[in-house]
Amino acid sequence: MYPYLLFIGITTLMIGWIWGVLYAPEDFQQGNSYRIIFLHVPASIFAQTIYYFMSICALMHIVWRVKLAAYLIKSAAPIGAMITFIALFSGSIWGIPTWGTWWQWDARITSTLILFIMYLGILTLHGSFSNLEKADRLMSILVIVGVVNLPIIKKSVDWWSTLHQPASISTSGSSIDPSMLMPLLISIVGLGFTLISLGILSSRLYILNREKNKKWVLEHV
């Protein structure tokens, strides 16, 4: 499935970005600077989504001792760190023309920075142990501890006075004009398929590396 998902992801993502950057109308308040939304918003969504996925895997590993779940956490963490960095970086670029500064210790920005640090901490913790089974368990515990930050990211604009505006897309509807919303939704779907394909590749490589001395791997080498 990997090459097909990658093709669908990149193609859809390119359609969303080309539509959003070249053909969507200019925003009446922010002008053309808003167009970074087609990168920033999908990246922000999947920065959190990947961590939710990791937390489910962590629960499966701790409760049911599912070895594969720990492998998936380790495979997903670098992808989560990468996409969270993109969310922070693109948000900083957007902040320069919108807020007049590239960084503010805004509640949403700060909690997202903590998420990025959590991803790095998970990778560092796992890499600091020679006993990989122990590293898997401690990594899973740290992932579950970090889940408390996710609702803070989500609700920060409602709980505190922040520079970030409330969510423009919700289950009750959207405040974004359809001519801007459609390429944004396409970009979200495209990035999702792209990250899934990267996750498949990353997990495949990690599983083969962890199991390289096992019979089932040696028989297919």
C-alpha atoms as a PDB file:
ATOM      1  CA  MET A   1       0.000   0.000   0.000  1.00  0.00           C
ATOM      2  CA  TYR A   2       2.916   2.328   0.641  1.00  0.00           C
ATOM      3  CA  PRO A   3       3.615   3.576  -2.928  1.00  0.00           C
ATOM      4  CA  TYR A   4      -0.094   4.087  -3.638  1.00  0.00           C
ATOM      5  CA  LEU A   5      -0.682   6.039  -0.435  1.00  0.00           C
ATOM      6  CA  LEU A   6       2.408   8.150  -1.099  1.00  0.00           C
ATOM      7  CA  PHE A   7       1.236   8.916  -4.636  1.00  0.00           C
ATOM      8  CA  ILE A   8      -2.274   9.811  -3.458  1.00  0.00           C
ATOM      9  CA  GLY A   9      -0.872  11.929  -0.633  1.00  0.00           C
ATOM     10  CA  ILE A  10       1.618  13.945  -2.661  1.00  0.00           C
ATOM     11  CA  THR A  11      -0.796  14.419  -5.584  1.00  0.00           C
ATOM     12  CA  THR A  12      -3.626  15.571  -3.323  1.00  0.00           C
ATOM     13  CA  LEU A  13      -1.296  17.803  -1.346  1.00  0.00           C
ATOM     14  CA  MET A  14      -0.010  19.459  -4.519  1.00  0.00           C
ATOM     15  CA  ILE A  15      -3.575  20.055  -5.719  1.00  0.00           C
ATOM     16  CA  GLY A  16      -4.482  21.667  -2.400  1.00  0.00           C
ATOM     17  CA  TRP A  17      -1.377  23.836  -2.290  1.00  0.00           C
ATOM     18  CA  ILE A  18      -1.562  24.968  -5.925  1.00  0.00           C
ATOM     19  CA  TRP A  19      -5.258  25.770  -5.560  1.00  0.00           C
ATOM     20  CA  GLY A  20      -4.727  27.582  -2.268  1.00  0.00           C
ATOM     21  CA  VAL A  21      -1.616  29.540  -3.210  1.00  0.00           C
ATOM     22  CA  LEU A  22      -2.438  30.443  -6.821  1.00  0.00           C
ATOM     23  CA  TYR A  23      -6.213  30.423  -7.170  1.00  0.00           C
ATOM     24  CA  ALA A  24      -7.852  31.058  -3.788  1.00  0.00           C
ATOM     25  CA  PRO A  25      -8.911  34.712  -3.321  1.00  0.00           C
ATOM     26  CA  GLU A  26      -6.914  37.172  -1.259  1.00  0.00           C
ATOM     27  CA  ASP A  27      -8.055  37.623   2.334  1.00  0.00           C
ATOM     28  CA  PHE A  28      -9.613  41.033   2.978  1.00  0.00           C
ATOM     29  CA  GLN A  29      -7.717  41.509   6.266  1.00  0.00           C
ATOM     30  CA  GLN A  30      -4.447  39.567   5.954  1.00  0.00           C
ATOM     31  CA  GLY A  31      -3.926  39.839   2.210  1.00  0.00           C
ATOM     32  CA  ASN A  32      -1.806  37.083   0.690  1.00  0.00           C
ATOM     33  CA  SER A  33       0.023  36.275   3.927  1.00  0.00           C
ATOM     34  CA  TYR A  34      -2.876  34.050   5.005  1.00  0.00           C
ATOM     35  CA  ARG A  35      -1.934  31.516   2.300  1.00  0.00           C
ATOM     36  CA  ILE A  36       0.515  29.849   4.673  1.00  0.00           C
ATOM     37  CA  ILE A  37      -2.637  28.451   6.290  1.00  0.00           C
ATOM     38  CA  PHE A  38      -2.530  25.645   3.695  1.00  0.00           C
ATOM     39  CA  LEU A  39       0.678  24.380   5.328  1.00  0.00           C
ATOM     40  CA  HIS A  40       0.320  25.595   8.901  1.00  0.00           C
ATOM     41  CA  VAL A  41      -3.157  24.288   9.695  1.00  0.00           C
ATOM     42  CA  PRO A  42      -2.645  20.740   8.309  1.00  0.00           C
ATOM     43  CA  ALA A  43       0.719  20.521  10.082  1.00  0.00           C
ATOM     44  CA  SER A  44      -0.821  21.669  13.371  1.00  0.00           C
ATOM     45  CA  ILE A  45      -3.646  19.136  13.082  1.00  0.00           C
ATOM     46  CA  PHE A  46      -1.337  16.197  12.451  1.00  0.00           C
ATOM     47  CA  ALA A  47       1.176  17.280  15.092  1.00  0.00           C
ATOM     48  CA  GLN A  48      -1.549  16.454  17.610  1.00  0.00           C
ATOM     49  CA  THR A  49      -3.095  13.537  15.699  1.00  0.00           C
ATOM     50  CA  ILE A  50       0.198  11.638  15.591  1.00  0.00           C
ATOM     51  CA  TYR A  51       0.572  12.032  19.355  1.00  0.00           C
ATOM     52  CA  TYR A  52      -2.973  10.712  19.880  1.00  0.00           C
ATOM     53  CA  PHE A  53      -2.006   7.695  17.763  1.00  0.00           C
ATOM     54  CA  MET A  54       1.151   7.193  19.828  1.00  0.00           C
ATOM     55  CA  SER A  55      -0.833   7.375  23.074  1.00  0.00           C
ATOM     56  CA  ILE A  56      -3.186   4.600  21.886  1.00  0.00           C
ATOM     57  CA  CYS A  57      -0.149   2.492  20.983  1.00  0.00           C
ATOM     58  CA  ALA A  58       1.406   3.253  24.386  1.00  0.00           C
ATOM     59  CA  LEU A  59      -1.726   2.054  26.159  1.00  0.00           C
ATOM     60  CA  MET A  60      -1.720  -1.138  24.085  1.00  0.00           C
ATOM     61  CA  HIS A  61       1.934  -1.749  24.933  1.00  0.00           C
ATOM     62  CA  ILE A  62       1.586  -1.148  28.681  1.00  0.00           C
ATOM     63  CA  VAL A  63      -1.713  -2.974  29.206  1.00  0.00           C
ATOM     64  CA  TRP A  64      -1.545  -5.819  26.680  1.00  0.00           C
ATOM     65  CA  ARG A  65       2.242  -5.983  26.095  1.00  0.00           C
ATOM     66  CA  VAL A  66       1.819  -5.592  22.341  1.00  0.00           C
ATOM     67  CA  LYS A  67       5.387  -5.408  21.072  1.00  0.00           C
ATOM     68  CA  LEU A  68       4.385  -3.954  17.701  1.00  0.00           C
ATOM     69  CA  ALA A  69       2.708  -1.014  19.458  1.00  0.00           C
ATOM     70  CA  ALA A  70       6.049   0.093  20.928  1.00  0.00           C
ATOM     71  CA  TYR A  71       7.664  -0.212  17.496  1.00  0.00           C
ATOM     72  CA  LEU A  72       4.973   2.045  16.034  1.00  0.00           C
ATOM     73  CA  ILE A  73       5.553   4.673  18.734  1.00  0.00           C
ATOM     74  CA  LYS A  74       9.271   4.752  17.973  1.00  0.00           C
ATOM     75  CA  SER A  75       8.547   4.962  14.239  1.00  0.00           C
ATOM     76  CA  ALA A  76       5.930   7.721  14.569  1.00  0.00           C
ATOM     77  CA  ALA A  77       7.833   9.956  16.998  1.00  0.00           C
ATOM     78  CA  PRO A  78      10.363  11.425  14.503  1.00  0.00           C
ATOM     79  CA  ILE A  79       7.558  12.105  12.028  1.00  0.00           C
ATOM     80  CA  GLY A  80       5.577  13.815  14.787  1.00  0.00           C
ATOM     81  CA  ALA A  81       8.604  15.903  15.770  1.00  0.00           C
ATOM     82  CA  MET A  82       9.143  16.925  12.147  1.00  0.00           C
ATOM     83  CA  ILE A  83       5.532  17.979  11.522  1.00  0.00           C
ATOM     84  CA  THR A  84       5.332  19.820  14.873  1.00  0.00           C
ATOM     85  CA  PHE A  85       8.460  21.774  13.966  1.00  0.00           C
ATOM     86  CA  ILE A  86       6.862  22.657  10.610  1.00  0.00           C
ATOM     87  CA  ALA A  87       3.745  23.842  12.449  1.00  0.00           C
ATOM     88  CA  LEU A  88       5.813  26.047  14.766  1.00  0.00           C
ATOM     89  CA  PHE A  89       8.040  27.384  11.987  1.00  0.00           C
ATOM     90  CA  SER A  90       5.191  28.168   9.589  1.00  0.00           C
ATOM     91  CA  GLY A  91       3.251  29.777  12.420  1.00  0.00           C
ATOM     92  CA  SER A  92       6.229  32.017  13.189  1.00  0.00           C
ATOM     93  CA  ILE A  93       6.436  33.085   9.543  1.00  0.00           C
ATOM     94  CA  TRP A  94       2.705  33.833   9.560  1.00  0.00           C
ATOM     95  CA  GLY A  95       3.069  35.808  12.793  1.00  0.00           C
ATOM     96  CA  ILE A  96       5.479  38.357  11.317  1.00  0.00           C
ATOM     97  CA  PRO A  97       2.965  40.121   9.011  1.00  0.00           C
ATOM     98  CA  THR A  98      -0.069  39.277  11.181  1.00  0.00           C
ATOM     99  CA  TRP A  99       1.132  40.045  14.706  1.00  0.00           C
ATOM    100  CA  GLY A 100       4.264  42.043  13.952  1.00  0.00           C
ATOM    101  CA  THR A 101       6.529  39.468  15.619  1.00  0.00           C
ATOM    102  CA  TRP A 102       7.713  35.965  14.793  1.00  0.00           C
ATOM    103  CA  TRP A 103       7.237  34.634  18.328  1.00  0.00           C
ATOM    104  CA  GLN A 104       4.948  35.239  21.289  1.00  0.00           C
ATOM    105  CA  TRP A 105       4.611  33.174  24.443  1.00  0.00           C
ATOM    106  CA  ASP A 106       0.993  32.695  23.489  1.00  0.00           C
ATOM    107  CA  ALA A 107      -0.795  29.752  25.186  1.00  0.00           C
ATOM    108  CA  ARG A 108      -1.309  27.867  21.909  1.00  0.00           C
ATOM    109  CA  ILE A 109       2.277  28.436  20.747  1.00  0.00           C
ATOM    110  CA  THR A 110       3.778  27.529  24.123  1.00  0.00           C
ATOM    111  CA  SER A 111       1.754  24.327  24.481  1.00  0.00           C
ATOM    112  CA  THR A 112       2.692  23.322  20.920  1.00  0.00           C
ATOM    113  CA  LEU A 113       6.356  23.967  21.759  1.00  0.00           C
ATOM    114  CA  ILE A 114       5.919  21.643  24.755  1.00  0.00           C
ATOM    115  CA  LEU A 115       4.517  19.029  22.359  1.00  0.00           C
ATOM    116  CA  PHE A 116       7.638  19.361  20.199  1.00  0.00           C
ATOM    117  CA  ILE A 117       9.835  18.955  23.281  1.00  0.00           C
ATOM    118  CA  MET A 118       7.816  15.876  24.255  1.00  0.00           C
ATOM    119  CA  TYR A 119       8.516  14.283  20.874  1.00  0.00           C
ATOM    120  CA  LEU A 120      12.237  14.973  21.279  1.00  0.00           C
ATOM    121  CA  GLY A 121      12.143  13.709  24.860  1.00  0.00           C
ATOM    122  CA  ILE A 122      10.515  10.444  23.778  1.00  0.00           C
ATOM    123  CA  LEU A 123      13.201   9.858  21.152  1.00  0.00           C
ATOM    124  CA  THR A 124      16.001  10.796  23.556  1.00  0.00           C
ATOM    125  CA  LEU A 125      14.657   8.587  26.342  1.00  0.00           C
ATOM    126  CA  HIS A 126      14.375   5.553  24.109  1.00  0.00           C
ATOM    127  CA  GLY A 127      17.840   6.086  22.665  1.00  0.00           C
ATOM    128  CA  SER A 128      19.453   6.333  26.115  1.00  0.00           C
ATOM    129  CA  PHE A 129      18.805   2.681  27.076  1.00  0.00           C
ATOM    130  CA  SER A 130      20.657  -0.344  25.774  1.00  0.00           C
ATOM    131  CA  ASN A 131      17.863  -2.600  27.044  1.00  0.00           C
ATOM    132  CA  LEU A 132      15.297  -1.983  24.311  1.00  0.00           C
ATOM    133  CA  GLU A 133      12.406  -3.716  26.110  1.00  0.00           C
ATOM    134  CA  LYS A 134      12.888  -1.424  29.118  1.00  0.00           C
ATOM    135  CA  ALA A 135      13.225   1.548  26.782  1.00  0.00           C
ATOM    136  CA  ASP A 136       9.927   0.597  25.106  1.00  0.00           C
ATOM    137  CA  ARG A 137       8.087   0.538  28.423  1.00  0.00           C
ATOM    138  CA  LEU A 138       9.505   3.810  29.744  1.00  0.00           C
ATOM    139  CA  MET A 139       8.833   5.459  26.393  1.00  0.00           C
ATOM    140  CA  SER A 140       5.201   4.307  26.532  1.00  0.00           C
ATOM    141  CA  ILE A 141       4.793   5.702  30.047  1.00  0.00           C
ATOM    142  CA  LEU A 142       6.224   9.067  28.955  1.00  0.00           C
ATOM    143  CA  VAL A 143       3.863   9.167  25.968  1.00  0.00           C
ATOM    144  CA  ILE A 144       0.841   8.652  28.235  1.00  0.00           C
ATOM    145  CA  VAL A 145       2.049  11.330  30.653  1.00  0.00           C
ATOM    146  CA  GLY A 146       2.348  13.776  27.756  1.00  0.00           C
ATOM    147  CA  VAL A 147      -1.286  13.259  26.706  1.00  0.00           C
ATOM    148  CA  VAL A 148      -2.320  15.858  29.287  1.00  0.00           C
ATOM    149  CA  ASN A 149      -0.871  18.544  26.991  1.00  0.00           C
ATOM    150  CA  LEU A 150      -3.201  17.743  24.076  1.00  0.00           C
ATOM    151  CA  PRO A 151      -6.430  19.168  25.534  1.00  0.00           C
ATOM    152  CA  ILE A 152      -4.424  22.209  26.654  1.00  0.00           C
ATOM    153  CA  ILE A 153      -3.371  22.821  23.031  1.00  0.00           C
ATOM    154  CA  LYS A 154      -6.938  22.305  21.834  1.00  0.00           C
ATOM    155  CA  LYS A 155      -8.678  24.486  24.416  1.00  0.00           C
ATOM    156  CA  SER A 156      -5.976  27.095  25.023  1.00  0.00           C
ATOM    157  CA  VAL A 157      -7.739  29.696  22.846  1.00  0.00           C
ATOM    158  CA  ASP A 158     -10.918  29.205  24.898  1.00  0.00           C
ATOM    159  CA  TRP A 159      -9.358  29.047  28.356  1.00  0.00           C
ATOM    160  CA  TRP A 160      -6.969  31.992  28.032  1.00  0.00           C
ATOM    161  CA  SER A 161      -6.754  35.294  26.184  1.00  0.00           C
ATOM    162  CA  THR A 162      -4.388  34.471  23.320  1.00  0.00           C
ATOM    163  CA  LEU A 163      -3.306  35.903  19.993  1.00  0.00           C
ATOM    164  CA  HIS A 164      -4.683  32.828  18.246  1.00  0.00           C
ATOM    165  CA  GLN A 165      -8.247  33.078  17.077  1.00  0.00           C
ATOM    166  CA  PRO A 166     -10.793  30.358  18.017  1.00  0.00           C
ATOM    167  CA  ALA A 167     -11.151  27.387  15.682  1.00  0.00           C
ATOM    168  CA  SER A 168     -12.496  28.368  12.259  1.00  0.00           C
ATOM    169  CA  ILE A 169     -13.525  24.771  11.463  1.00  0.00           C
ATOM    170  CA  SER A 170     -15.703  22.756  13.841  1.00  0.00           C
ATOM    171  CA  THR A 171     -18.452  20.152  13.818  1.00  0.00           C
ATOM    172  CA  SER A 172     -21.030  22.942  13.744  1.00  0.00           C
ATOM    173  CA  GLY A 173     -19.627  24.479  10.562  1.00  0.00           C
ATOM    174  CA  SER A 174     -16.897  26.741   9.264  1.00  0.00           C
ATOM    175  CA  SER A 175     -16.324  30.479   9.222  1.00  0.00           C
ATOM    176  CA  ILE A 176     -13.946  30.155   6.264  1.00  0.00           C
ATOM    177  CA  ASP A 177     -15.258  31.006   2.806  1.00  0.00           C
ATOM    178  CA  PRO A 178     -15.716  27.854   0.652  1.00  0.00           C
ATOM    179  CA  SER A 179     -13.234  29.175  -1.939  1.00  0.00           C
ATOM    180  CA  MET A 180     -10.553  29.003   0.799  1.00  0.00           C
ATOM    181  CA  LEU A 181     -11.984  26.078   2.752  1.00  0.00           C
ATOM    182  CA  MET A 182     -11.919  23.557  -0.102  1.00  0.00           C
ATOM    183  CA  PRO A 183      -8.169  23.803  -0.852  1.00  0.00           C
ATOM    184  CA  LEU A 184      -7.515  23.753   2.895  1.00  0.00           C
ATOM    185  CA  LEU A 185      -9.469  20.512   3.338  1.00  0.00           C
ATOM    186  CA  ILE A 186      -7.709  18.997   0.326  1.00  0.00           C
ATOM    187  CA  SER A 187      -4.341  19.989   1.830  1.00  0.00           C
ATOM    188  CA  ILE A 188      -5.293  18.339   5.118  1.00  0.00           C
ATOM    189  CA  VAL A 189      -6.273  15.095   3.373  1.00  0.00           C
ATOM    190  CA  GLY A 190      -3.141  15.158   1.207  1.00  0.00           C
ATOM    191  CA  LEU A 191      -0.809  15.703   4.145  1.00  0.00           C
ATOM    192  CA  GLY A 192      -2.607  12.942   6.042  1.00  0.00           C
ATOM    193  CA  PHE A 193      -2.009  10.357   3.313  1.00  0.00           C
ATOM    194  CA  THR A 194       1.603  11.537   2.930  1.00  0.00           C
ATOM    195  CA  LEU A 195       2.301  11.131   6.651  1.00  0.00           C
ATOM    196  CA  ILE A 196       0.622   7.713   6.725  1.00  0.00           C
ATOM    197  CA  SER A 197       2.883   6.562   3.897  1.00  0.00           C
ATOM    198  CA  LEU A 198       5.946   7.921   5.715  1.00  0.00           C
ATOM    199  CA  GLY A 199       4.782   6.132   8.857  1.00  0.00           C
ATOM    200  CA  ILE A 200       4.509   2.843   6.955  1.00  0.00           C
ATOM    201  CA  LEU A 201       8.027   3.237   5.580  1.00  0.00           C
ATOM    202  CA  SER A 202       9.476   4.290   8.941  1.00  0.00           C
ATOM    203  CA  SER A 203       7.812   1.435  10.836  1.00  0.00           C
ATOM    204  CA  ARG A 204       8.835  -1.117   8.213  1.00  0.00           C
ATOM    205  CA  LEU A 205      12.483  -0.083   8.480  1.00  0.00           C
ATOM    206  CA  TYR A 206      12.404   0.003  12.289  1.00  0.00           C
ATOM    207  CA  ILE A 207      10.704  -3.378  12.605  1.00  0.00           C
ATOM    208  CA  LEU A 208      13.267  -4.984  10.291  1.00  0.00           C
ATOM    209  CA  ASN A 209      16.070  -3.376  12.296  1.00  0.00           C
ATOM    210  CA  ARG A 210      14.686  -4.580  15.649  1.00  0.00           C
ATOM    211  CA  GLU A 211      13.937  -8.067  14.350  1.00  0.00           C
ATOM    212  CA  LYS A 212      16.991  -8.452  12.099  1.00  0.00           C
ATOM    213  CA  ASN A 213      18.294 -11.477  13.992  1.00  0.00           C
ATOM    214  CA  LYS A 214      14.930 -13.254  14.096  1.00  0.00           C
ATOM    215  CA  LYS A 215      14.232 -16.265  11.919  1.00  0.00           C
ATOM    216  CA  TRP A 216      11.360 -14.672  10.000  1.00  0.00           C
ATOM    217  CA  VAL A 217      13.652 -11.867   8.814  1.00  0.00           C
ATOM    218  CA  LEU A 218      16.683 -14.008   8.054  1.00  0.00           C
ATOM    219  CA  GLU A 219      14.557 -16.328   5.903  1.00  0.00           C
ATOM    220  CA  HIS A 220      13.628 -13.419   3.615  1.00  0.00           C
ATOM    221  CA  VAL A 221      17.035 -11.762   3.337  1.00  0.00           C
END
